[in-house]
Amino acid sequence: MPPADRRIVKVRILDREYAFVSTGEEADAHIQQVARLVDEKMRAVGQGAGTTTPMQGAVLAGLEFSEELLRLQRDVSSVEEGISARTNRLTESLGQLFRTVELAPTVSGPGGAEDVAVG
């Protein structure tokens, strides 16, 4: 990244300051949001686990984040499977409807126009 695009964003996690390279305001906000989540998770884990070192808190927070990620991936996969099943049923229903319309006898309407009878 060119030096002109390089920005430093400072954040605090467990009262320690960390500096990250950023590429713009949107990236700055993202880094700050991620740092807030990490700080909150590490504080919650530390309170729930009693006395932990920062390293133990980081490992526990990482495990909780990983568990949450895996759960969300399973949820997304389940939703995708449901959408796929509904799409397949809809496609089959539309195919059946089109086959019915294609096979339906045509009836002459007013002025000689053909109307399709749908049953």
PDB file of N, CA and C in Angstrom:
ATOM      1  N   MET A   1       0.856  -1.162   0.000  1.00  0.00           N
ATOM      2  CA  MET A   1       0.000   0.000   0.000  1.00  0.00           C
ATOM      3  C   MET A   1       0.902   1.224   0.000  1.00  0.00           C
ATOM      4  N   PRO A   2       0.611   2.206  -0.849  1.00  0.00           N
ATOM      5  CA  PRO A   2       1.434   3.413  -0.903  1.00  0.00           C
ATOM      6  C   PRO A   2       1.404   4.146   0.436  1.00  0.00           C
ATOM      7  N   PRO A   3       2.522   4.819   0.798  1.00  0.00           N
ATOM      8  CA  PRO A   3       2.582   5.509   2.081  1.00  0.00           C
ATOM      9  C   PRO A   3       1.470   6.542   2.272  1.00  0.00           C
ATOM     10  N   ALA A   4       1.004   7.173   1.200  1.00  0.00           N
ATOM     11  CA  ALA A   4      -0.045   8.196   1.321  1.00  0.00           C
ATOM     12  C   ALA A   4      -1.363   7.578   1.782  1.00  0.00           C
ATOM     13  N   ASP A   5      -1.612   6.305   1.435  1.00  0.00           N
ATOM     14  CA  ASP A   5      -2.851   5.632   1.824  1.00  0.00           C
ATOM     15  C   ASP A   5      -2.770   5.018   3.221  1.00  0.00           C
ATOM     16  N   ARG A   6      -1.609   4.975   3.750  1.00  0.00           N
ATOM     17  CA  ARG A   6      -1.376   4.312   5.035  1.00  0.00           C
ATOM     18  C   ARG A   6      -1.857   5.178   6.189  1.00  0.00           C
ATOM     19  N   ARG A   7      -2.691   4.602   7.025  1.00  0.00           N
ATOM     20  CA  ARG A   7      -3.197   5.286   8.213  1.00  0.00           C
ATOM     21  C   ARG A   7      -3.005   4.360   9.399  1.00  0.00           C
ATOM     22  N   ILE A   8      -2.809   4.938  10.543  1.00  0.00           N
ATOM     23  CA  ILE A   8      -2.677   4.163  11.769  1.00  0.00           C
ATOM     24  C   ILE A   8      -3.921   4.399  12.617  1.00  0.00           C
ATOM     25  N   VAL A   9      -4.533   3.307  13.058  1.00  0.00           N
ATOM     26  CA  VAL A   9      -5.687   3.376  13.950  1.00  0.00           C
ATOM     27  C   VAL A   9      -5.266   2.772  15.282  1.00  0.00           C
ATOM     28  N   LYS A  10      -5.477   3.532  16.347  1.00  0.00           N
ATOM     29  CA  LYS A  10      -5.136   3.035  17.679  1.00  0.00           C
ATOM     30  C   LYS A  10      -6.413   2.628  18.400  1.00  0.00           C
ATOM     31  N   VAL A  11      -6.337   1.454  19.027  1.00  0.00           N
ATOM     32  CA  VAL A  11      -7.472   0.932  19.785  1.00  0.00           C
ATOM     33  C   VAL A  11      -6.973   0.426  21.131  1.00  0.00           C
ATOM     34  N   ARG A  12      -7.913   0.253  22.062  1.00  0.00           N
ATOM     35  CA  ARG A  12      -7.571  -0.279  23.380  1.00  0.00           C
ATOM     36  C   ARG A  12      -8.327  -1.580  23.603  1.00  0.00           C
ATOM     37  N   ILE A  13      -7.571  -2.592  23.996  1.00  0.00           N
ATOM     38  CA  ILE A  13      -8.147  -3.886  24.355  1.00  0.00           C
ATOM     39  C   ILE A  13      -7.566  -4.262  25.702  1.00  0.00           C
ATOM     40  N   LEU A  14      -8.453  -4.468  26.677  1.00  0.00           N
ATOM     41  CA  LEU A  14      -8.033  -4.753  28.062  1.00  0.00           C
ATOM     42  C   LEU A  14      -7.019  -3.721  28.556  1.00  0.00           C
ATOM     43  N   ASP A  15      -7.324  -2.474  28.294  1.00  0.00           N
ATOM     44  CA  ASP A  15      -6.522  -1.328  28.745  1.00  0.00           C
ATOM     45  C   ASP A  15      -5.115  -1.273  28.154  1.00  0.00           C
ATOM     46  N   ARG A  16      -4.872  -2.022  27.097  1.00  0.00           N
ATOM     47  CA  ARG A  16      -3.604  -1.932  26.372  1.00  0.00           C
ATOM     48  C   ARG A  16      -3.874  -1.343  25.006  1.00  0.00           C
ATOM     49  N   GLU A  17      -2.989  -0.474  24.562  1.00  0.00           N
ATOM     50  CA  GLU A  17      -3.161   0.170  23.273  1.00  0.00           C
ATOM     51  C   GLU A  17      -2.475  -0.649  22.182  1.00  0.00           C
ATOM     52  N   TYR A  18      -3.201  -0.778  21.054  1.00  0.00           N
ATOM     53  CA  TYR A  18      -2.680  -1.468  19.882  1.00  0.00           C
ATOM     54  C   TYR A  18      -2.847  -0.544  18.681  1.00  0.00           C
ATOM     55  N   ALA A  19      -1.907  -0.612  17.753  1.00  0.00           N
ATOM     56  CA  ALA A  19      -1.972   0.214  16.548  1.00  0.00           C
ATOM     57  C   ALA A  19      -2.073  -0.701  15.334  1.00  0.00           C
ATOM     58  N   PHE A  20      -3.004  -0.349  14.447  1.00  0.00           N
ATOM     59  CA  PHE A  20      -3.225  -1.127  13.227  1.00  0.00           C
ATOM     60  C   PHE A  20      -3.133  -0.207  12.022  1.00  0.00           C
ATOM     61  N   VAL A  21      -2.658  -0.751  10.921  1.00  0.00           N
ATOM     62  CA  VAL A  21      -2.622   0.006   9.668  1.00  0.00           C
ATOM     63  C   VAL A  21      -4.009  -0.079   9.042  1.00  0.00           C
ATOM     64  N   SER A  22      -4.480   1.050   8.537  1.00  0.00           N
ATOM     65  CA  SER A  22      -5.799   1.139   7.938  1.00  0.00           C
ATOM     66  C   SER A  22      -5.703   1.805   6.577  1.00  0.00           C
ATOM     67  N   THR A  23      -6.774   1.642   5.782  1.00  0.00           N
ATOM     68  CA  THR A  23      -6.767   2.216   4.434  1.00  0.00           C
ATOM     69  C   THR A  23      -7.855   3.259   4.217  1.00  0.00           C
ATOM     70  N   GLY A  24      -8.484   3.728   5.271  1.00  0.00           N
ATOM     71  CA  GLY A  24      -9.518   4.759   5.107  1.00  0.00           C
ATOM     72  C   GLY A  24     -10.493   4.752   6.255  1.00  0.00           C
ATOM     73  N   GLU A  25     -11.404   5.712   6.225  1.00  0.00           N
ATOM     74  CA  GLU A  25     -12.342   5.875   7.331  1.00  0.00           C
ATOM     75  C   GLU A  25     -13.206   4.641   7.552  1.00  0.00           C
ATOM     76  N   GLU A  26     -13.657   4.021   6.467  1.00  0.00           N
ATOM     77  CA  GLU A  26     -14.479   2.817   6.619  1.00  0.00           C
ATOM     78  C   GLU A  26     -13.670   1.706   7.282  1.00  0.00           C
ATOM     79  N   ALA A  27     -12.432   1.542   6.871  1.00  0.00           N
ATOM     80  CA  ALA A  27     -11.559   0.537   7.489  1.00  0.00           C
ATOM     81  C   ALA A  27     -11.268   0.906   8.934  1.00  0.00           C
ATOM     82  N   ASP A  28     -11.106   2.199   9.221  1.00  0.00           N
ATOM     83  CA  ASP A  28     -10.890   2.644  10.606  1.00  0.00           C
ATOM     84  C   ASP A  28     -12.054   2.196  11.480  1.00  0.00           C
ATOM     85  N   ALA A  29     -13.267   2.471  11.025  1.00  0.00           N
ATOM     86  CA  ALA A  29     -14.463   2.122  11.793  1.00  0.00           C
ATOM     87  C   ALA A  29     -14.555   0.613  11.990  1.00  0.00           C
ATOM     88  N   HIS A  30     -14.198  -0.154  10.971  1.00  0.00           N
ATOM     89  CA  HIS A  30     -14.239  -1.615  11.076  1.00  0.00           C
ATOM     90  C   HIS A  30     -13.240  -2.105  12.126  1.00  0.00           C
ATOM     91  N   ILE A  31     -12.033  -1.589  12.076  1.00  0.00           N
ATOM     92  CA  ILE A  31     -11.010  -1.986  13.049  1.00  0.00           C
ATOM     93  C   ILE A  31     -11.466  -1.637  14.465  1.00  0.00           C
ATOM     94  N   GLN A  32     -12.037  -0.451  14.640  1.00  0.00           N
ATOM     95  CA  GLN A  32     -12.512  -0.043  15.964  1.00  0.00           C
ATOM     96  C   GLN A  32     -13.654  -0.941  16.440  1.00  0.00           C
ATOM     97  N   GLN A  33     -14.558  -1.305  15.536  1.00  0.00           N
ATOM     98  CA  GLN A  33     -15.665  -2.183  15.905  1.00  0.00           C
ATOM     99  C   GLN A  33     -15.146  -3.563  16.320  1.00  0.00           C
ATOM    100  N   VAL A  34     -14.218  -4.103  15.553  1.00  0.00           N
ATOM    101  CA  VAL A  34     -13.646  -5.410  15.882  1.00  0.00           C
ATOM    102  C   VAL A  34     -12.935  -5.345  17.234  1.00  0.00           C
ATOM    103  N   ALA A  35     -12.170  -4.290  17.454  1.00  0.00           N
ATOM    104  CA  ALA A  35     -11.451  -4.143  18.727  1.00  0.00           C
ATOM    105  C   ALA A  35     -12.429  -4.058  19.898  1.00  0.00           C
ATOM    106  N   ARG A  36     -13.547  -3.339  19.719  1.00  0.00           N
ATOM    107  CA  ARG A  36     -14.563  -3.255  20.781  1.00  0.00           C
ATOM    108  C   ARG A  36     -15.135  -4.637  21.094  1.00  0.00           C
ATOM    109  N   LEU A  37     -15.428  -5.416  20.038  1.00  0.00           N
ATOM    110  CA  LEU A  37     -15.957  -6.761  20.245  1.00  0.00           C
ATOM    111  C   LEU A  37     -14.961  -7.645  21.000  1.00  0.00           C
ATOM    112  N   VAL A  38     -13.705  -7.572  20.607  1.00  0.00           N
ATOM    113  CA  VAL A  38     -12.671  -8.368  21.269  1.00  0.00           C
ATOM    114  C   VAL A  38     -12.535  -7.940  22.723  1.00  0.00           C
ATOM    115  N   ASP A  39     -12.502  -6.644  22.963  1.00  0.00           N
ATOM    116  CA  ASP A  39     -12.386  -6.137  24.331  1.00  0.00           C
ATOM    117  C   ASP A  39     -13.570  -6.606  25.180  1.00  0.00           C
ATOM    118  N   GLU A  40     -14.787  -6.461  24.653  1.00  0.00           N
ATOM    119  CA  GLU A  40     -15.979  -6.883  25.396  1.00  0.00           C
ATOM    120  C   GLU A  40     -15.956  -8.377  25.689  1.00  0.00           C
ATOM    121  N   LYS A  41     -15.604  -9.178  24.680  1.00  0.00           N
ATOM    122  CA  LYS A  41     -15.577 -10.629  24.855  1.00  0.00           C
ATOM    123  C   LYS A  41     -14.521 -11.035  25.881  1.00  0.00           C
ATOM    124  N   MET A  42     -13.336 -10.424  25.804  1.00  0.00           N
ATOM    125  CA  MET A  42     -12.272 -10.780  26.746  1.00  0.00           C
ATOM    126  C   MET A  42     -12.639 -10.363  28.170  1.00  0.00           C
ATOM    127  N   ARG A  43     -13.300  -9.233  28.332  1.00  0.00           N
ATOM    128  CA  ARG A  43     -13.742  -8.812  29.668  1.00  0.00           C
ATOM    129  C   ARG A  43     -14.810  -9.755  30.204  1.00  0.00           C
ATOM    130  N   ALA A  44     -15.768 -10.132  29.350  1.00  0.00           N
ATOM    131  CA  ALA A  44     -16.833 -11.044  29.779  1.00  0.00           C
ATOM    132  C   ALA A  44     -16.262 -12.411  30.152  1.00  0.00           C
ATOM    133  N   VAL A  45     -15.342 -12.913  29.346  1.00  0.00           N
ATOM    134  CA  VAL A  45     -14.721 -14.211  29.623  1.00  0.00           C
ATOM    135  C   VAL A  45     -13.929 -14.135  30.923  1.00  0.00           C
ATOM    136  N   GLY A  46     -13.209 -13.043  31.111  1.00  0.00           N
ATOM    137  CA  GLY A  46     -12.427 -12.871  32.334  1.00  0.00           C
ATOM    138  C   GLY A  46     -13.300 -12.840  33.575  1.00  0.00           C
ATOM    139  N   GLN A  47     -14.433 -12.174  33.488  1.00  0.00           N
ATOM    140  CA  GLN A  47     -15.349 -12.114  34.631  1.00  0.00           C
ATOM    141  C   GLN A  47     -15.994 -13.474  34.883  1.00  0.00           C
ATOM    142  N   GLY A  48     -16.363 -14.169  33.802  1.00  0.00           N
ATOM    143  CA  GLY A  48     -17.020 -15.459  33.948  1.00  0.00           C
ATOM    144  C   GLY A  48     -16.086 -16.559  34.415  1.00  0.00           C
ATOM    145  N   ALA A  49     -14.829 -16.471  34.049  1.00  0.00           N
ATOM    146  CA  ALA A  49     -13.873 -17.529  34.380  1.00  0.00           C
ATOM    147  C   ALA A  49     -13.141 -17.264  35.688  1.00  0.00           C
ATOM    148  N   GLY A  50     -13.359 -16.123  36.281  1.00  0.00           N
ATOM    149  CA  GLY A  50     -12.634 -15.799  37.506  1.00  0.00           C
ATOM    150  C   GLY A  50     -11.285 -15.208  37.167  1.00  0.00           C
ATOM    151  N   THR A  51     -10.280 -15.651  37.843  1.00  0.00           N
ATOM    152  CA  THR A  51      -8.942 -15.117  37.635  1.00  0.00           C
ATOM    153  C   THR A  51      -8.305 -15.778  36.414  1.00  0.00           C
ATOM    154  N   THR A  52      -8.075 -14.968  35.389  1.00  0.00           N
ATOM    155  CA  THR A  52      -7.403 -15.474  34.194  1.00  0.00           C
ATOM    156  C   THR A  52      -6.325 -14.489  33.798  1.00  0.00           C
ATOM    157  N   THR A  53      -5.303 -15.001  33.171  1.00  0.00           N
ATOM    158  CA  THR A  53      -4.285 -14.118  32.619  1.00  0.00           C
ATOM    159  C   THR A  53      -4.826 -13.568  31.304  1.00  0.00           C
ATOM    160  N   PRO A  54      -4.245 -12.476  30.812  1.00  0.00           N
ATOM    161  CA  PRO A  54      -4.696 -11.974  29.503  1.00  0.00           C
ATOM    162  C   PRO A  54      -4.588 -13.035  28.401  1.00  0.00           C
ATOM    163  N   MET A  55      -3.570 -13.864  28.455  1.00  0.00           N
ATOM    164  CA  MET A  55      -3.411 -14.919  27.450  1.00  0.00           C
ATOM    165  C   MET A  55      -4.529 -15.944  27.563  1.00  0.00           C
ATOM    166  N   GLN A  56      -4.869 -16.353  28.770  1.00  0.00           N
ATOM    167  CA  GLN A  56      -5.971 -17.295  28.957  1.00  0.00           C
ATOM    168  C   GLN A  56      -7.290 -16.676  28.482  1.00  0.00           C
ATOM    169  N   GLY A  57      -7.483 -15.397  28.793  1.00  0.00           N
ATOM    170  CA  GLY A  57      -8.684 -14.696  28.352  1.00  0.00           C
ATOM    171  C   GLY A  57      -8.761 -14.630  26.837  1.00  0.00           C
ATOM    172  N   ALA A  58      -7.616 -14.389  26.211  1.00  0.00           N
ATOM    173  CA  ALA A  58      -7.582 -14.327  24.742  1.00  0.00           C
ATOM    174  C   ALA A  58      -7.926 -15.686  24.138  1.00  0.00           C
ATOM    175  N   VAL A  59      -7.402 -16.754  24.711  1.00  0.00           N
ATOM    176  CA  VAL A  59      -7.687 -18.099  24.208  1.00  0.00           C
ATOM    177  C   VAL A  59      -9.164 -18.426  24.392  1.00  0.00           C
ATOM    178  N   LEU A  60      -9.700 -18.137  25.577  1.00  0.00           N
ATOM    179  CA  LEU A  60     -11.117 -18.402  25.829  1.00  0.00           C
ATOM    180  C   LEU A  60     -12.013 -17.564  24.907  1.00  0.00           C
ATOM    181  N   ALA A  61     -11.652 -16.305  24.717  1.00  0.00           N
ATOM    182  CA  ALA A  61     -12.421 -15.445  23.813  1.00  0.00           C
ATOM    183  C   ALA A  61     -12.343 -15.991  22.387  1.00  0.00           C
ATOM    184  N   GLY A  62     -11.155 -16.432  21.974  1.00  0.00           N
ATOM    185  CA  GLY A  62     -10.998 -17.017  20.643  1.00  0.00           C
ATOM    186  C   GLY A  62     -11.853 -18.265  20.471  1.00  0.00           C
ATOM    187  N   LEU A  63     -11.918 -19.091  21.509  1.00  0.00           N
ATOM    188  CA  LEU A  63     -12.762 -20.282  21.453  1.00  0.00           C
ATOM    189  C   LEU A  63     -14.240 -19.908  21.340  1.00  0.00           C
ATOM    190  N   GLU A  64     -14.658 -18.914  22.104  1.00  0.00           N
ATOM    191  CA  GLU A  64     -16.060 -18.486  22.031  1.00  0.00           C
ATOM    192  C   GLU A  64     -16.387 -17.882  20.667  1.00  0.00           C
ATOM    193  N   PHE A  65     -15.484 -17.055  20.137  1.00  0.00           N
ATOM    194  CA  PHE A  65     -15.698 -16.496  18.798  1.00  0.00           C
ATOM    195  C   PHE A  65     -15.783 -17.614  17.757  1.00  0.00           C
ATOM    196  N   SER A  66     -14.908 -18.606  17.879  1.00  0.00           N
ATOM    197  CA  SER A  66     -14.895 -19.713  16.917  1.00  0.00           C
ATOM    198  C   SER A  66     -16.183 -20.524  17.004  1.00  0.00           C
ATOM    199  N   GLU A  67     -16.653 -20.776  18.219  1.00  0.00           N
ATOM    200  CA  GLU A  67     -17.903 -21.518  18.403  1.00  0.00           C
ATOM    201  C   GLU A  67     -19.063 -20.755  17.788  1.00  0.00           C
ATOM    202  N   GLU A  68     -19.089 -19.450  18.011  1.00  0.00           N
ATOM    203  CA  GLU A  68     -20.151 -18.608  17.445  1.00  0.00           C
ATOM    204  C   GLU A  68     -20.086 -18.615  15.916  1.00  0.00           C
ATOM    205  N   LEU A  69     -18.894 -18.529  15.361  1.00  0.00           N
ATOM    206  CA  LEU A  69     -18.727 -18.567  13.909  1.00  0.00           C
ATOM    207  C   LEU A  69     -19.244 -19.888  13.342  1.00  0.00           C
ATOM    208  N   LEU A  70     -18.886 -21.006  13.961  1.00  0.00           N
ATOM    209  CA  LEU A  70     -19.334 -22.312  13.476  1.00  0.00           C
ATOM    210  C   LEU A  70     -20.856 -22.436  13.558  1.00  0.00           C
ATOM    211  N   ARG A  71     -21.456 -21.924  14.641  1.00  0.00           N
ATOM    212  CA  ARG A  71     -22.909 -21.963  14.785  1.00  0.00           C
ATOM    213  C   ARG A  71     -23.571 -21.132  13.685  1.00  0.00           C
ATOM    214  N   LEU A  72     -23.036 -19.943  13.425  1.00  0.00           N
ATOM    215  CA  LEU A  72     -23.595 -19.089  12.382  1.00  0.00           C
ATOM    216  C   LEU A  72     -23.442 -19.728  11.000  1.00  0.00           C
ATOM    217  N   GLN A  73     -22.309 -20.395  10.765  1.00  0.00           N
ATOM    218  CA  GLN A  73     -22.121 -21.088   9.490  1.00  0.00           C
ATOM    219  C   GLN A  73     -23.149 -22.204   9.318  1.00  0.00           C
ATOM    220  N   ARG A  74     -23.433 -22.940  10.406  1.00  0.00           N
ATOM    221  CA  ARG A  74     -24.460 -23.986  10.338  1.00  0.00           C
ATOM    222  C   ARG A  74     -25.828 -23.364  10.064  1.00  0.00           C
ATOM    223  N   ASP A  75     -26.127 -22.253  10.731  1.00  0.00           N
ATOM    224  CA  ASP A  75     -27.405 -21.566  10.507  1.00  0.00           C
ATOM    225  C   ASP A  75     -27.551 -21.118   9.058  1.00  0.00           C
ATOM    226  N   VAL A  76     -26.501 -20.528   8.506  1.00  0.00           N
ATOM    227  CA  VAL A  76     -26.536 -20.067   7.111  1.00  0.00           C
ATOM    228  C   VAL A  76     -26.730 -21.257   6.178  1.00  0.00           C
ATOM    229  N   SER A  77     -26.028 -22.341   6.439  1.00  0.00           N
ATOM    230  CA  SER A  77     -26.146 -23.531   5.603  1.00  0.00           C
ATOM    231  C   SER A  77     -27.577 -24.073   5.646  1.00  0.00           C
ATOM    232  N   SER A  78     -28.163 -24.087   6.825  1.00  0.00           N
ATOM    233  CA  SER A  78     -29.538 -24.565   6.973  1.00  0.00           C
ATOM    234  C   SER A  78     -30.510 -23.671   6.204  1.00  0.00           C
ATOM    235  N   VAL A  79     -30.332 -22.370   6.298  1.00  0.00           N
ATOM    236  CA  VAL A  79     -31.191 -21.432   5.564  1.00  0.00           C
ATOM    237  C   VAL A  79     -31.013 -21.631   4.061  1.00  0.00           C
ATOM    238  N   GLU A  80     -29.759 -21.781   3.615  1.00  0.00           N
ATOM    239  CA  GLU A  80     -29.501 -21.990   2.185  1.00  0.00           C
ATOM    240  C   GLU A  80     -30.173 -23.265   1.693  1.00  0.00           C
ATOM    241  N   GLU A  81     -30.129 -24.334   2.495  1.00  0.00           N
ATOM    242  CA  GLU A  81     -30.774 -25.591   2.109  1.00  0.00           C
ATOM    243  C   GLU A  81     -32.280 -25.405   2.010  1.00  0.00           C
ATOM    244  N   GLY A  82     -32.867 -24.664   2.940  1.00  0.00           N
ATOM    245  CA  GLY A  82     -34.298 -24.390   2.899  1.00  0.00           C
ATOM    246  C   GLY A  82     -34.683 -23.595   1.663  1.00  0.00           C
ATOM    247  N   ILE A  83     -33.884 -22.593   1.341  1.00  0.00           N
ATOM    248  CA  ILE A  83     -34.146 -21.783   0.139  1.00  0.00           C
ATOM    249  C   ILE A  83     -34.036 -22.653  -1.105  1.00  0.00           C
ATOM    250  N   SER A  84     -33.043 -23.505  -1.145  1.00  0.00           N
ATOM    251  CA  SER A  84     -32.859 -24.383  -2.303  1.00  0.00           C
ATOM    252  C   SER A  84     -34.049 -25.321  -2.454  1.00  0.00           C
ATOM    253  N   ALA A  85     -34.521 -25.899  -1.360  1.00  0.00           N
ATOM    254  CA  ALA A  85     -35.660 -26.814  -1.423  1.00  0.00           C
ATOM    255  C   ALA A  85     -36.911 -26.076  -1.903  1.00  0.00           C
ATOM    256  N   ARG A  86     -37.142 -24.869  -1.373  1.00  0.00           N
ATOM    257  CA  ARG A  86     -38.320 -24.097  -1.799  1.00  0.00           C
ATOM    258  C   ARG A  86     -38.205 -23.691  -3.265  1.00  0.00           C
ATOM    259  N   THR A  87     -37.001 -23.336  -3.690  1.00  0.00           N
ATOM    260  CA  THR A  87     -36.786 -22.969  -5.098  1.00  0.00           C
ATOM    261  C   THR A  87     -37.061 -24.160  -6.007  1.00  0.00           C
ATOM    262  N   ASN A  88     -36.600 -25.332  -5.608  1.00  0.00           N
ATOM    263  CA  ASN A  88     -36.852 -26.543  -6.404  1.00  0.00           C
ATOM    264  C   ASN A  88     -38.344 -26.841  -6.494  1.00  0.00           C
ATOM    265  N   ARG A  89     -39.069 -26.704  -5.363  1.00  0.00           N
ATOM    266  CA  ARG A  89     -40.515 -26.942  -5.387  1.00  0.00           C
ATOM    267  C   ARG A  89     -41.220 -25.925  -6.283  1.00  0.00           C
ATOM    268  N   LEU A  90     -40.808 -24.670  -6.206  1.00  0.00           N
ATOM    269  CA  LEU A  90     -41.404 -23.627  -7.039  1.00  0.00           C
ATOM    270  C   LEU A  90     -41.122 -23.889  -8.518  1.00  0.00           C
ATOM    271  N   THR A  91     -39.903 -24.270  -8.832  1.00  0.00           N
ATOM    272  CA  THR A  91     -39.539 -24.585 -10.217  1.00  0.00           C
ATOM    273  C   THR A  91     -40.385 -25.733 -10.745  1.00  0.00           C
ATOM    274  N   GLU A  92     -40.552 -26.762  -9.935  1.00  0.00           N
ATOM    275  CA  GLU A  92     -41.375 -27.909 -10.336  1.00  0.00           C
ATOM    276  C   GLU A  92     -42.828 -27.485 -10.536  1.00  0.00           C
ATOM    277  N   SER A  93     -43.356 -26.660  -9.634  1.00  0.00           N
ATOM    278  CA  SER A  93     -44.742 -26.183  -9.762  1.00  0.00           C
ATOM    279  C   SER A  93     -44.922 -25.353 -11.023  1.00  0.00           C
ATOM    280  N   LEU A  94     -43.980 -24.476 -11.296  1.00  0.00           N
ATOM    281  CA  LEU A  94     -44.063 -23.648 -12.509  1.00  0.00           C
ATOM    282  C   LEU A  94     -43.952 -24.514 -13.762  1.00  0.00           C
ATOM    283  N   GLY A  95     -43.078 -25.491 -13.720  1.00  0.00           N
ATOM    284  CA  GLY A  95     -42.940 -26.403 -14.857  1.00  0.00           C
ATOM    285  C   GLY A  95     -44.239 -27.143 -15.117  1.00  0.00           C
ATOM    286  N   GLN A  96     -44.868 -27.610 -14.051  1.00  0.00           N
ATOM    287  CA  GLN A  96     -46.159 -28.313 -14.174  1.00  0.00           C
ATOM    288  C   GLN A  96     -47.214 -27.380 -14.751  1.00  0.00           C
ATOM    289  N   LEU A  97     -47.254 -26.139 -14.271  1.00  0.00           N
ATOM    290  CA  LEU A  97     -48.217 -25.152 -14.769  1.00  0.00           C
ATOM    291  C   LEU A  97     -47.995 -24.885 -16.261  1.00  0.00           C
ATOM    292  N   PHE A  98     -46.742 -24.694 -16.653  1.00  0.00           N
ATOM    293  CA  PHE A  98     -46.448 -24.430 -18.064  1.00  0.00           C
ATOM    294  C   PHE A  98     -46.828 -25.618 -18.947  1.00  0.00           C
ATOM    295  N   ARG A  99     -46.569 -26.839 -18.452  1.00  0.00           N
ATOM    296  CA  ARG A  99     -46.949 -28.025 -19.226  1.00  0.00           C
ATOM    297  C   ARG A  99     -48.471 -28.088 -19.375  1.00  0.00           C
ATOM    298  N   THR A 100     -49.188 -27.741 -18.332  1.00  0.00           N
ATOM    299  CA  THR A 100     -50.655 -27.733 -18.375  1.00  0.00           C
ATOM    300  C   THR A 100     -51.147 -26.709 -19.382  1.00  0.00           C
ATOM    301  N   VAL A 101     -50.569 -25.518 -19.376  1.00  0.00           N
ATOM    302  CA  VAL A 101     -50.969 -24.454 -20.297  1.00  0.00           C
ATOM    303  C   VAL A 101     -50.653 -24.855 -21.738  1.00  0.00           C
ATOM    304  N   GLU A 102     -49.521 -25.486 -21.965  1.00  0.00           N
ATOM    305  CA  GLU A 102     -49.144 -25.892 -23.317  1.00  0.00           C
ATOM    306  C   GLU A 102     -50.088 -26.955 -23.872  1.00  0.00           C
ATOM    307  N   LEU A 103     -50.595 -27.811 -22.992  1.00  0.00           N
ATOM    308  CA  LEU A 103     -51.455 -28.902 -23.434  1.00  0.00           C
ATOM    309  C   LEU A 103     -52.922 -28.518 -23.494  1.00  0.00           C
ATOM    310  N   ALA A 104     -53.271 -27.366 -22.917  1.00  0.00           N
ATOM    311  CA  ALA A 104     -54.678 -26.953 -22.862  1.00  0.00           C
ATOM    312  C   ALA A 104     -55.172 -26.608 -24.254  1.00  0.00           C
ATOM    313  N   PRO A 105     -56.439 -27.001 -24.564  1.00  0.00           N
ATOM    314  CA  PRO A 105     -56.989 -26.641 -25.873  1.00  0.00           C
ATOM    315  C   PRO A 105     -57.199 -25.139 -25.955  1.00  0.00           C
ATOM    316  N   THR A 106     -57.064 -24.609 -27.144  1.00  0.00           N
ATOM    317  CA  THR A 106     -57.270 -23.177 -27.332  1.00  0.00           C
ATOM    318  C   THR A 106     -58.696 -22.939 -27.788  1.00  0.00           C
ATOM    319  N   VAL A 107     -59.234 -21.838 -27.379  1.00  0.00           N
ATOM    320  CA  VAL A 107     -60.609 -21.471 -27.715  1.00  0.00           C
ATOM    321  C   VAL A 107     -60.562 -20.125 -28.403  1.00  0.00           C
ATOM    322  N   SER A 108     -61.320 -19.993 -29.515  1.00  0.00           N
ATOM    323  CA  SER A 108     -61.368 -18.700 -30.199  1.00  0.00           C
ATOM    324  C   SER A 108     -62.186 -17.729 -29.383  1.00  0.00           C
ATOM    325  N   GLY A 109     -61.600 -16.598 -29.127  1.00  0.00           N
ATOM    326  CA  GLY A 109     -62.288 -15.548 -28.379  1.00  0.00           C
ATOM    327  C   GLY A 109     -62.930 -14.570 -29.341  1.00  0.00           C
ATOM    328  N   PRO A 110     -63.451 -13.484 -28.813  1.00  0.00           N
ATOM    329  CA  PRO A 110     -64.072 -12.462 -29.663  1.00  0.00           C
ATOM    330  C   PRO A 110     -63.070 -11.934 -30.676  1.00  0.00           C
ATOM    331  N   GLY A 111     -63.488 -11.709 -31.875  1.00  0.00           N
ATOM    332  CA  GLY A 111     -62.617 -11.147 -32.904  1.00  0.00           C
ATOM    333  C   GLY A 111     -61.623 -12.148 -33.439  1.00  0.00           C
ATOM    334  N   GLY A 112     -61.802 -13.447 -33.156  1.00  0.00           N
ATOM    335  CA  GLY A 112     -60.925 -14.460 -33.706  1.00  0.00           C
ATOM    336  C   GLY A 112     -59.642 -14.664 -32.918  1.00  0.00           C
ATOM    337  N   ALA A 113     -59.418 -13.896 -31.818  1.00  0.00           N
ATOM    338  CA  ALA A 113     -58.210 -14.079 -31.011  1.00  0.00           C
ATOM    339  C   ALA A 113     -58.299 -15.390 -30.260  1.00  0.00           C
ATOM    340  N   GLU A 114     -57.153 -16.016 -30.067  1.00  0.00           N
ATOM    341  CA  GLU A 114     -57.149 -17.277 -29.344  1.00  0.00           C
ATOM    342  C   GLU A 114     -56.948 -17.014 -27.861  1.00  0.00           C
ATOM    343  N   ASP A 115     -57.792 -17.616 -27.035  1.00  0.00           N
ATOM    344  CA  ASP A 115     -57.658 -17.586 -25.589  1.00  0.00           C
ATOM    345  C   ASP A 115     -57.204 -18.961 -25.158  1.00  0.00           C
ATOM    346  N   VAL A 116     -56.375 -19.003 -24.141  1.00  0.00           N
ATOM    347  CA  VAL A 116     -55.913 -20.279 -23.627  1.00  0.00           C
ATOM    348  C   VAL A 116     -56.755 -20.623 -22.414  1.00  0.00           C
ATOM    349  N   ALA A 117     -57.258 -21.810 -22.403  1.00  0.00           N
ATOM    350  CA  ALA A 117     -58.050 -22.256 -21.256  1.00  0.00           C
ATOM    351  C   ALA A 117     -57.102 -22.808 -20.218  1.00  0.00           C
ATOM    352  N   VAL A 118     -57.193 -22.258 -19.014  1.00  0.00           N
ATOM    353  CA  VAL A 118     -56.351 -22.736 -17.910  1.00  0.00           C
ATOM    354  C   VAL A 118     -57.276 -23.376 -16.898  1.00  0.00           C
ATOM    355  N   GLY A 119     -56.980 -24.593 -16.509  1.00  0.00           N
ATOM    356  CA  GLY A 119     -57.876 -25.322 -15.615  1.00  0.00           C
ATOM    357  C   GLY A 119     -57.405 -25.432 -14.263  1.00  0.00           C
TER     358      GLY A 119
END
